[in-house]
């Protein structure tokens, strides 16, 4: 699944869970992302997901 598909099927909702849990969802569902470290993914997703400041 592509990033665009994953975010369309399951957009981030802060009422449902944390940003870390959403990033974990993306790591496990976007093709080729399983090996990416969470901190690297958080940096990459800044600006794509509202609420990621770090």
Protein backbone atom coordinates (compact mmCIF):
# COMPACT_ATOMS: atom_id res chain seq x y z
CA UNK A 1 0.00 0.00 0.00
CA UNK A 2 1.27 3.52 -0.70
CA UNK A 3 1.49 6.32 1.88
CA UNK A 4 -1.31 8.20 0.13
CA UNK A 5 -3.60 5.13 0.26
CA UNK A 6 -2.81 4.43 3.92
CA UNK A 7 -3.52 8.01 4.96
CA UNK A 8 -6.73 8.08 2.92
CA UNK A 9 -8.03 4.79 4.33
CA UNK A 10 -7.13 5.65 7.90
CA UNK A 11 -6.47 9.38 8.48
CA UNK A 12 -4.85 10.40 11.75
CA UNK A 13 -7.39 11.19 14.46
CA UNK A 14 -5.94 12.33 17.80
CA UNK A 15 -9.13 11.17 19.55
CA UNK A 16 -8.40 7.55 18.53
CA UNK A 17 -4.73 7.33 19.46
CA UNK A 18 -1.29 8.86 19.70
CA UNK A 19 0.93 10.00 16.86
CA UNK A 20 3.36 7.21 17.75
CA UNK A 21 0.66 4.60 17.27
CA UNK A 22 -0.29 6.13 13.92
CA UNK A 23 3.33 6.11 12.78
CA UNK A 24 3.54 2.45 13.79
CA UNK A 25 0.43 1.78 11.68
CA UNK A 26 2.14 3.45 8.72
CA UNK A 27 5.37 1.49 9.25
CA UNK A 28 3.50 -1.80 9.16
CA UNK A 29 1.17 -0.97 6.26
CA UNK A 30 3.11 1.14 3.76
CA UNK A 31 5.16 -1.00 1.41
CA UNK A 32 8.88 -0.95 2.23
CA UNK A 33 8.57 1.04 5.47
CA UNK A 34 8.85 -1.79 8.01
CA UNK A 35 12.61 -1.25 8.45
CA UNK A 36 12.40 2.54 9.06
CA UNK A 37 13.06 3.65 12.65
CA UNK A 38 10.24 5.52 14.37
CA UNK A 39 12.30 8.67 14.99
CA UNK A 40 13.28 8.81 11.31
CA UNK A 41 9.67 8.35 10.28
CA UNK A 42 8.52 11.06 12.70
CA UNK A 43 11.00 13.50 11.13
CA UNK A 44 9.87 12.55 7.60
CA UNK A 45 6.17 12.92 8.44
CA UNK A 46 6.49 16.45 9.93
CA UNK A 47 4.12 18.65 7.97
CA UNK A 48 2.20 15.66 6.62
CA UNK A 49 0.49 14.92 9.95
CA UNK A 50 -0.82 17.84 11.97
CA UNK A 51 0.46 17.74 15.53
CA UNK A 52 4.00 16.42 15.02
CA UNK A 53 6.29 19.10 16.42
CA UNK A 54 9.34 17.12 17.49
